[in-house]
Amino acid sequence: MRRDEFLATMQAIVPWAALCAVVMAANAHDKHPLPKLAHGNEQRV
């Protein structure tokens, strides 16, 4: 019951479709320079 209320509140507050569109677009474009950035000797992220 409380879970359902929480999820309903989050659905009303957060524009999930717009947020997912931004995140998916960022993931699609950000992966291209990865081979130049990841050389295999990384010590931290």
N, C-alpha and C. Protein backbone atom coordinates (compact mmCIF):
# COMPACT_ATOMS: atom_id res chain seq x y z
N MET A 1 0.82 -1.18 0.00
CA MET A 1 0.00 0.00 0.00
C MET A 1 0.87 1.26 0.00
N ARG A 2 1.84 1.33 0.93
CA ARG A 2 2.72 2.49 0.97
C ARG A 2 3.59 2.55 -0.28
N ARG A 3 3.98 1.37 -0.77
CA ARG A 3 4.78 1.30 -1.99
C ARG A 3 4.00 1.88 -3.16
N ASP A 4 2.74 1.52 -3.27
CA ASP A 4 1.90 2.02 -4.35
C ASP A 4 1.73 3.53 -4.27
N GLU A 5 1.58 4.05 -3.04
CA GLU A 5 1.47 5.50 -2.86
C GLU A 5 2.76 6.19 -3.27
N PHE A 6 3.88 5.62 -2.86
CA PHE A 6 5.18 6.18 -3.21
C PHE A 6 5.37 6.21 -4.72
N LEU A 7 5.10 5.09 -5.38
CA LEU A 7 5.27 5.02 -6.83
C LEU A 7 4.33 5.98 -7.56
N ALA A 8 3.12 6.11 -7.08
CA ALA A 8 2.18 7.05 -7.68
C ALA A 8 2.67 8.49 -7.52
N THR A 9 3.21 8.80 -6.35
CA THR A 9 3.75 10.14 -6.11
C THR A 9 4.95 10.40 -7.02
N MET A 10 5.84 9.44 -7.13
CA MET A 10 7.01 9.61 -8.00
C MET A 10 6.60 9.76 -9.46
N GLN A 11 5.61 9.03 -9.87
CA GLN A 11 5.12 9.12 -11.25
C GLN A 11 4.57 10.52 -11.51
N ALA A 12 3.92 11.11 -10.52
CA ALA A 12 3.35 12.45 -10.68
C ALA A 12 4.43 13.53 -10.66
N ILE A 13 5.50 13.31 -9.91
CA ILE A 13 6.55 14.32 -9.74
C ILE A 13 7.58 14.29 -10.86
N VAL A 14 8.03 13.11 -11.22
CA VAL A 14 9.15 12.96 -12.16
C VAL A 14 8.63 12.71 -13.57
N PRO A 15 9.06 13.50 -14.53
CA PRO A 15 8.66 13.26 -15.92
C PRO A 15 9.51 12.12 -16.52
N TRP A 16 9.12 10.88 -16.21
CA TRP A 16 9.94 9.72 -16.55
C TRP A 16 10.24 9.60 -18.03
N ALA A 17 9.27 9.86 -18.88
CA ALA A 17 9.50 9.72 -20.33
C ALA A 17 10.56 10.70 -20.79
N ALA A 18 10.48 11.94 -20.33
CA ALA A 18 11.47 12.95 -20.72
C ALA A 18 12.85 12.60 -20.14
N LEU A 19 12.87 12.14 -18.90
CA LEU A 19 14.13 11.77 -18.26
C LEU A 19 14.79 10.60 -18.98
N CYS A 20 14.02 9.58 -19.30
CA CYS A 20 14.56 8.41 -20.01
C CYS A 20 15.06 8.79 -21.40
N ALA A 21 14.37 9.69 -22.07
CA ALA A 21 14.81 10.12 -23.40
C ALA A 21 16.17 10.80 -23.33
N VAL A 22 16.38 11.62 -22.32
CA VAL A 22 17.66 12.30 -22.15
C VAL A 22 18.76 11.31 -21.82
N VAL A 23 18.48 10.40 -20.90
CA VAL A 23 19.48 9.44 -20.48
C VAL A 23 19.84 8.51 -21.63
N MET A 24 18.86 8.02 -22.38
CA MET A 24 19.14 7.12 -23.50
C MET A 24 19.92 7.82 -24.59
N ALA A 25 19.58 9.09 -24.85
CA ALA A 25 20.31 9.84 -25.87
C ALA A 25 21.75 10.05 -25.43
N ALA A 26 21.96 10.35 -24.16
CA ALA A 26 23.32 10.56 -23.65
C ALA A 26 24.12 9.28 -23.73
N ASN A 27 23.53 8.15 -23.39
CA ASN A 27 24.24 6.88 -23.46
C ASN A 27 24.63 6.54 -24.88
N ALA A 28 23.77 6.80 -25.83
CA ALA A 28 24.05 6.44 -27.22
C ALA A 28 25.21 7.25 -27.78
N HIS A 29 25.31 8.50 -27.39
CA HIS A 29 26.35 9.36 -27.96
C HIS A 29 27.64 9.36 -27.16
N ASP A 30 27.55 9.09 -25.87
CA ASP A 30 28.73 9.15 -25.03
C ASP A 30 29.64 7.93 -25.17
N LYS A 31 29.13 6.84 -25.73
CA LYS A 31 29.95 5.63 -25.79
C LYS A 31 31.00 5.68 -26.91
N HIS A 32 30.85 6.56 -27.88
CA HIS A 32 31.76 6.56 -29.02
C HIS A 32 33.21 6.90 -28.66
N PRO A 33 33.48 7.87 -27.77
CA PRO A 33 34.88 8.13 -27.42
C PRO A 33 35.46 7.15 -26.41
N LEU A 34 34.67 6.19 -25.94
CA LEU A 34 35.12 5.27 -24.90
C LEU A 34 36.42 4.53 -25.25
N PRO A 35 36.59 3.98 -26.45
CA PRO A 35 37.85 3.28 -26.73
C PRO A 35 39.08 4.17 -26.59
N LYS A 36 38.94 5.46 -26.83
CA LYS A 36 40.08 6.37 -26.67
C LYS A 36 40.33 6.69 -25.20
N LEU A 37 39.28 6.60 -24.37
CA LEU A 37 39.41 6.96 -22.97
C LEU A 37 39.80 5.78 -22.09
N ALA A 38 39.33 4.59 -22.43
CA ALA A 38 39.61 3.40 -21.63
C ALA A 38 40.80 2.66 -22.23
N HIS A 39 41.94 2.74 -21.58
CA HIS A 39 43.15 2.14 -22.13
C HIS A 39 43.54 0.85 -21.44
N GLY A 40 42.86 0.51 -20.33
CA GLY A 40 43.12 -0.75 -19.65
C GLY A 40 43.96 -0.62 -18.40
N ASN A 41 44.62 0.52 -18.21
CA ASN A 41 45.44 0.72 -17.03
C ASN A 41 44.80 1.71 -16.05
N GLU A 42 43.48 1.82 -16.09
CA GLU A 42 42.78 2.76 -15.24
C GLU A 42 42.96 2.36 -13.77
N GLN A 43 43.14 3.35 -12.93
CA GLN A 43 43.24 3.12 -11.50
C GLN A 43 41.95 3.44 -10.78
N ARG A 44 41.14 4.33 -11.37
CA ARG A 44 39.84 4.69 -10.80
C ARG A 44 38.95 5.26 -11.87
N VAL A 45 37.68 5.35 -11.52
CA VAL A 45 36.70 5.85 -12.48
C VAL A 45 36.32 7.26 -12.11
